[in-house]
């Protein structure tokens, strides 16, 4: 789970920077997005952890 979480975290961070460089996402709104969607992030991380333990 630890290496999977690290990989997913790097992908998400890279995606945010790519969207910022393409002027699709402004970092001004990043805080607002995280404040709104943090429960969904926890749910996804938890679901990935459960899927990883089944294999």
PDB file of N, CA and C in Angstrom:
ATOM      1  N   UNK A   1       0.826  -1.191   0.000  1.00  0.00           N
ATOM      2  CA  UNK A   1       0.000   0.000   0.000  1.00  0.00           C
ATOM      3  C   UNK A   1       0.869   1.253   0.000  1.00  0.00           C
ATOM      4  N   UNK A   2       1.952   1.237   0.746  1.00  0.00           N
ATOM      5  CA  UNK A   2       2.795   2.418   0.864  1.00  0.00           C
ATOM      6  C   UNK A   2       3.356   2.847  -0.497  1.00  0.00           C
ATOM      7  N   UNK A   3       3.880   1.906  -1.279  1.00  0.00           N
ATOM      8  CA  UNK A   3       4.442   2.286  -2.562  1.00  0.00           C
ATOM      9  C   UNK A   3       3.345   2.707  -3.536  1.00  0.00           C
ATOM     10  N   UNK A   4       2.165   2.094  -3.439  1.00  0.00           N
ATOM     11  CA  UNK A   4       1.048   2.478  -4.301  1.00  0.00           C
ATOM     12  C   UNK A   4       0.590   3.892  -3.961  1.00  0.00           C
ATOM     13  N   UNK A   5       0.503   4.205  -2.687  1.00  0.00           N
ATOM     14  CA  UNK A   5       0.084   5.549  -2.286  1.00  0.00           C
ATOM     15  C   UNK A   5       1.092   6.586  -2.760  1.00  0.00           C
ATOM     16  N   UNK A   6       2.359   6.292  -2.626  1.00  0.00           N
ATOM     17  CA  UNK A   6       3.390   7.223  -3.084  1.00  0.00           C
ATOM     18  C   UNK A   6       3.313   7.460  -4.583  1.00  0.00           C
ATOM     19  N   UNK A   7       3.078   6.403  -5.326  1.00  0.00           N
ATOM     20  CA  UNK A   7       2.959   6.534  -6.782  1.00  0.00           C
ATOM     21  C   UNK A   7       1.743   7.366  -7.160  1.00  0.00           C
ATOM     22  N   UNK A   8       0.637   7.110  -6.510  1.00  0.00           N
ATOM     23  CA  UNK A   8      -0.582   7.866  -6.804  1.00  0.00           C
ATOM     24  C   UNK A   8      -0.401   9.331  -6.417  1.00  0.00           C
ATOM     25  N   UNK A   9       0.254   9.580  -5.300  1.00  0.00           N
ATOM     26  CA  UNK A   9       0.492  10.957  -4.870  1.00  0.00           C
ATOM     27  C   UNK A   9       1.345  11.705  -5.894  1.00  0.00           C
ATOM     28  N   UNK A  10       2.373  11.057  -6.418  1.00  0.00           N
ATOM     29  CA  UNK A  10       3.216  11.700  -7.428  1.00  0.00           C
ATOM     30  C   UNK A  10       2.434  11.974  -8.709  1.00  0.00           C
ATOM     31  N   UNK A  11       1.580  11.059  -9.102  1.00  0.00           N
ATOM     32  CA  UNK A  11       0.765  11.260 -10.301  1.00  0.00           C
ATOM     33  C   UNK A  11      -0.172  12.440 -10.109  1.00  0.00           C
ATOM     34  N   UNK A  12      -0.816  12.522  -8.965  1.00  0.00           N
ATOM     35  CA  UNK A  12      -1.762  13.619  -8.702  1.00  0.00           C
ATOM     36  C   UNK A  12      -1.030  14.958  -8.657  1.00  0.00           C
ATOM     37  N   UNK A  13       0.108  15.013  -7.997  1.00  0.00           N
ATOM     38  CA  UNK A  13       0.884  16.259  -7.940  1.00  0.00           C
ATOM     39  C   UNK A  13       1.333  16.669  -9.340  1.00  0.00           C
ATOM     40  N   UNK A  14       1.816  15.703 -10.104  1.00  0.00           N
ATOM     41  CA  UNK A  14       2.221  15.986 -11.483  1.00  0.00           C
ATOM     42  C   UNK A  14       1.061  16.474 -12.328  1.00  0.00           C
ATOM     43  N   UNK A  15      -0.111  15.887 -12.123  1.00  0.00           N
ATOM     44  CA  UNK A  15      -1.306  16.308 -12.861  1.00  0.00           C
ATOM     45  C   UNK A  15      -1.669  17.746 -12.528  1.00  0.00           C
ATOM     46  N   UNK A  16      -1.597  18.121 -11.243  1.00  0.00           N
ATOM     47  CA  UNK A  16      -1.886  19.498 -10.859  1.00  0.00           C
ATOM     48  C   UNK A  16      -0.915  20.475 -11.526  1.00  0.00           C
ATOM     49  N   UNK A  17       0.375  20.136 -11.533  1.00  0.00           N
ATOM     50  CA  UNK A  17       1.356  21.024 -12.164  1.00  0.00           C
ATOM     51  C   UNK A  17       1.149  21.099 -13.679  1.00  0.00           C
ATOM     52  N   UNK A  18       0.804  19.986 -14.313  1.00  0.00           N
ATOM     53  CA  UNK A  18       0.546  19.990 -15.753  1.00  0.00           C
ATOM     54  C   UNK A  18      -0.659  20.854 -16.081  1.00  0.00           C
ATOM     55  N   UNK A  19      -1.735  20.697 -15.319  1.00  0.00           N
ATOM     56  CA  UNK A  19      -2.923  21.511 -15.557  1.00  0.00           C
ATOM     57  C   UNK A  19      -2.638  22.992 -15.328  1.00  0.00           C
ATOM     58  N   UNK A  20      -1.778  23.297 -14.363  1.00  0.00           N
ATOM     59  CA  UNK A  20      -1.395  24.697 -14.124  1.00  0.00           C
ATOM     60  C   UNK A  20      -0.581  25.230 -15.304  1.00  0.00           C
ATOM     61  N   UNK A  21       0.358  24.447 -15.813  1.00  0.00           N
ATOM     62  CA  UNK A  21       1.180  24.887 -16.946  1.00  0.00           C
ATOM     63  C   UNK A  21       0.356  25.077 -18.210  1.00  0.00           C
ATOM     64  N   UNK A  22      -0.722  24.319 -18.357  1.00  0.00           N
ATOM     65  CA  UNK A  22      -1.598  24.447 -19.523  1.00  0.00           C
ATOM     66  C   UNK A  22      -2.684  25.505 -19.311  1.00  0.00           C
ATOM     67  N   UNK A  23      -2.604  26.236 -18.214  1.00  0.00           N
ATOM     68  CA  UNK A  23      -3.579  27.284 -17.854  1.00  0.00           C
ATOM     69  C   UNK A  23      -5.002  26.750 -17.758  1.00  0.00           C
ATOM     70  N   UNK A  24      -5.143  25.508 -17.349  1.00  0.00           N
ATOM     71  CA  UNK A  24      -6.456  24.921 -17.119  1.00  0.00           C
ATOM     72  C   UNK A  24      -6.845  25.070 -15.651  1.00  0.00           C
ATOM     73  N   UNK A  25      -5.852  25.021 -14.779  1.00  0.00           N
ATOM     74  CA  UNK A  25      -6.081  25.101 -13.339  1.00  0.00           C
ATOM     75  C   UNK A  25      -5.168  26.167 -12.760  1.00  0.00           C
ATOM     76  N   UNK A  26      -5.751  27.024 -11.950  1.00  0.00           N
ATOM     77  CA  UNK A  26      -4.962  28.043 -11.276  1.00  0.00           C
ATOM     78  C   UNK A  26      -4.751  27.611  -9.829  1.00  0.00           C
ATOM     79  N   UNK A  27      -3.554  27.815  -9.305  1.00  0.00           N
ATOM     80  CA  UNK A  27      -3.272  27.438  -7.925  1.00  0.00           C
ATOM     81  C   UNK A  27      -4.076  28.267  -6.929  1.00  0.00           C
ATOM     82  N   UNK A  28      -4.661  29.369  -7.382  1.00  0.00           N
ATOM     83  CA  UNK A  28      -5.524  30.145  -6.499  1.00  0.00           C
ATOM     84  C   UNK A  28      -6.719  29.314  -6.056  1.00  0.00           C
ATOM     85  N   UNK A  29      -7.191  28.463  -6.951  1.00  0.00           N
ATOM     86  CA  UNK A  29      -8.374  27.660  -6.667  1.00  0.00           C
ATOM     87  C   UNK A  29      -8.037  26.284  -6.097  1.00  0.00           C
ATOM     88  N   UNK A  30      -6.767  25.950  -6.014  1.00  0.00           N
ATOM     89  CA  UNK A  30      -6.359  24.634  -5.514  1.00  0.00           C
ATOM     90  C   UNK A  30      -6.810  24.435  -4.067  1.00  0.00           C
ATOM     91  N   UNK A  31      -6.654  25.443  -3.237  1.00  0.00           N
ATOM     92  CA  UNK A  31      -7.095  25.346  -1.852  1.00  0.00           C
ATOM     93  C   UNK A  31      -8.591  25.115  -1.745  1.00  0.00           C
ATOM     94  N   UNK A  32      -9.342  25.808  -2.589  1.00  0.00           N
ATOM     95  CA  UNK A  32     -10.791  25.644  -2.593  1.00  0.00           C
ATOM     96  C   UNK A  32     -11.175  24.230  -3.058  1.00  0.00           C
ATOM     97  N   UNK A  33     -10.485  23.725  -4.059  1.00  0.00           N
ATOM     98  CA  UNK A  33     -10.753  22.370  -4.558  1.00  0.00           C
ATOM     99  C   UNK A  33     -10.461  21.337  -3.478  1.00  0.00           C
ATOM    100  N   UNK A  34      -9.326  21.498  -2.797  1.00  0.00           N
ATOM    101  CA  UNK A  34      -8.965  20.540  -1.749  1.00  0.00           C
ATOM    102  C   UNK A  34      -9.922  20.623  -0.570  1.00  0.00           C
ATOM    103  N   UNK A  35     -10.356  21.831  -0.217  1.00  0.00           N
ATOM    104  CA  UNK A  35     -11.323  21.963   0.878  1.00  0.00           C
ATOM    105  C   UNK A  35     -12.646  21.292   0.540  1.00  0.00           C
ATOM    106  N   UNK A  36     -13.015  21.316  -0.722  1.00  0.00           N
ATOM    107  CA  UNK A  36     -14.278  20.721  -1.145  1.00  0.00           C
ATOM    108  C   UNK A  36     -14.174  19.209  -1.298  1.00  0.00           C
ATOM    109  N   UNK A  37     -13.092  18.720  -1.886  1.00  0.00           N
ATOM    110  CA  UNK A  37     -13.000  17.320  -2.294  1.00  0.00           C
ATOM    111  C   UNK A  37     -12.166  16.443  -1.371  1.00  0.00           C
ATOM    112  N   UNK A  38     -11.701  16.934  -0.197  1.00  0.00           N
ATOM    113  CA  UNK A  38     -10.842  16.110   0.648  1.00  0.00           C
ATOM    114  C   UNK A  38     -11.530  14.833   1.115  1.00  0.00           C
ATOM    115  N   UNK A  39     -12.840  14.803   1.369  1.00  0.00           N
ATOM    116  CA  UNK A  39     -13.439  13.520   1.751  1.00  0.00           C
ATOM    117  C   UNK A  39     -13.372  12.488   0.620  1.00  0.00           C
ATOM    118  N   UNK A  40     -13.534  12.942  -0.613  1.00  0.00           N
ATOM    119  CA  UNK A  40     -13.458  12.023  -1.754  1.00  0.00           C
ATOM    120  C   UNK A  40     -12.045  11.450  -1.895  1.00  0.00           C
ATOM    121  N   UNK A  41     -11.044  12.257  -1.601  1.00  0.00           N
ATOM    122  CA  UNK A  41      -9.664  11.780  -1.669  1.00  0.00           C
ATOM    123  C   UNK A  41      -9.449  10.676  -0.634  1.00  0.00           C
ATOM    124  N   UNK A  42      -9.972  10.876   0.571  1.00  0.00           N
ATOM    125  CA  UNK A  42      -9.850   9.846   1.603  1.00  0.00           C
ATOM    126  C   UNK A  42     -10.565   8.558   1.198  1.00  0.00           C
ATOM    127  N   UNK A  43     -11.732   8.687   0.594  1.00  0.00           N
ATOM    128  CA  UNK A  43     -12.483   7.514   0.157  1.00  0.00           C
ATOM    129  C   UNK A  43     -11.715   6.741  -0.904  1.00  0.00           C
ATOM    130  N   UNK A  44     -11.146   7.435  -1.868  1.00  0.00           N
ATOM    131  CA  UNK A  44     -10.388   6.778  -2.930  1.00  0.00           C
ATOM    132  C   UNK A  44      -9.155   6.075  -2.367  1.00  0.00           C
ATOM    133  N   UNK A  45      -8.440   6.731  -1.479  1.00  0.00           N
ATOM    134  CA  UNK A  45      -7.252   6.114  -0.875  1.00  0.00           C
ATOM    135  C   UNK A  45      -7.641   4.877  -0.069  1.00  0.00           C
ATOM    136  N   UNK A  46      -8.737   4.958   0.671  1.00  0.00           N
ATOM    137  CA  UNK A  46      -9.211   3.807   1.437  1.00  0.00           C
ATOM    138  C   UNK A  46      -9.647   2.658   0.540  1.00  0.00           C
ATOM    139  N   UNK A  47     -10.348   2.965  -0.542  1.00  0.00           N
ATOM    140  CA  UNK A  47     -10.789   1.927  -1.478  1.00  0.00           C
ATOM    141  C   UNK A  47      -9.599   1.255  -2.146  1.00  0.00           C
ATOM    142  N   UNK A  48      -8.593   2.037  -2.506  1.00  0.00           N
ATOM    143  CA  UNK A  48      -7.390   1.450  -3.103  1.00  0.00           C
ATOM    144  C   UNK A  48      -6.674   0.541  -2.111  1.00  0.00           C
ATOM    145  N   UNK A  49      -6.676   0.932  -0.843  1.00  0.00           N
ATOM    146  CA  UNK A  49      -6.067   0.101   0.178  1.00  0.00           C
ATOM    147  C   UNK A  49      -6.800  -1.221   0.341  1.00  0.00           C
ATOM    148  N   UNK A  50      -8.118  -1.186   0.283  1.00  0.00           N
ATOM    149  CA  UNK A  50      -8.893  -2.431   0.383  1.00  0.00           C
ATOM    150  C   UNK A  50      -8.660  -3.325  -0.826  1.00  0.00           C
ATOM    151  N   UNK A  51      -8.591  -2.738  -2.007  1.00  0.00           N
ATOM    152  CA  UNK A  51      -8.363  -3.530  -3.223  1.00  0.00           C
ATOM    153  C   UNK A  51      -6.979  -4.168  -3.192  1.00  0.00           C
ATOM    154  N   UNK A  52      -6.015  -3.453  -2.667  1.00  0.00           N
ATOM    155  CA  UNK A  52      -4.653  -3.970  -2.604  1.00  0.00           C
ATOM    156  C   UNK A  52      -4.537  -5.152  -1.644  1.00  0.00           C
ATOM    157  N   UNK A  53      -5.311  -5.175  -0.580  1.00  0.00           N
ATOM    158  CA  UNK A  53      -5.244  -6.245   0.395  1.00  0.00           C
ATOM    159  C   UNK A  53      -5.922  -7.511  -0.092  1.00  0.00           C
ATOM    160  N   UNK A  54      -6.822  -7.413  -1.026  1.00  0.00           N
ATOM    161  CA  UNK A  54      -7.534  -8.587  -1.560  1.00  0.00           C
ATOM    162  C   UNK A  54      -6.651  -9.430  -2.455  1.00  0.00           C
ATOM    163  N   UNK A  55      -5.698  -8.835  -3.101  1.00  0.00           N
ATOM    164  CA  UNK A  55      -4.865  -9.565  -4.064  1.00  0.00           C
ATOM    165  C   UNK A  55      -3.830 -10.404  -3.414  1.00  0.00           C
TER     166      UNK A  55
END
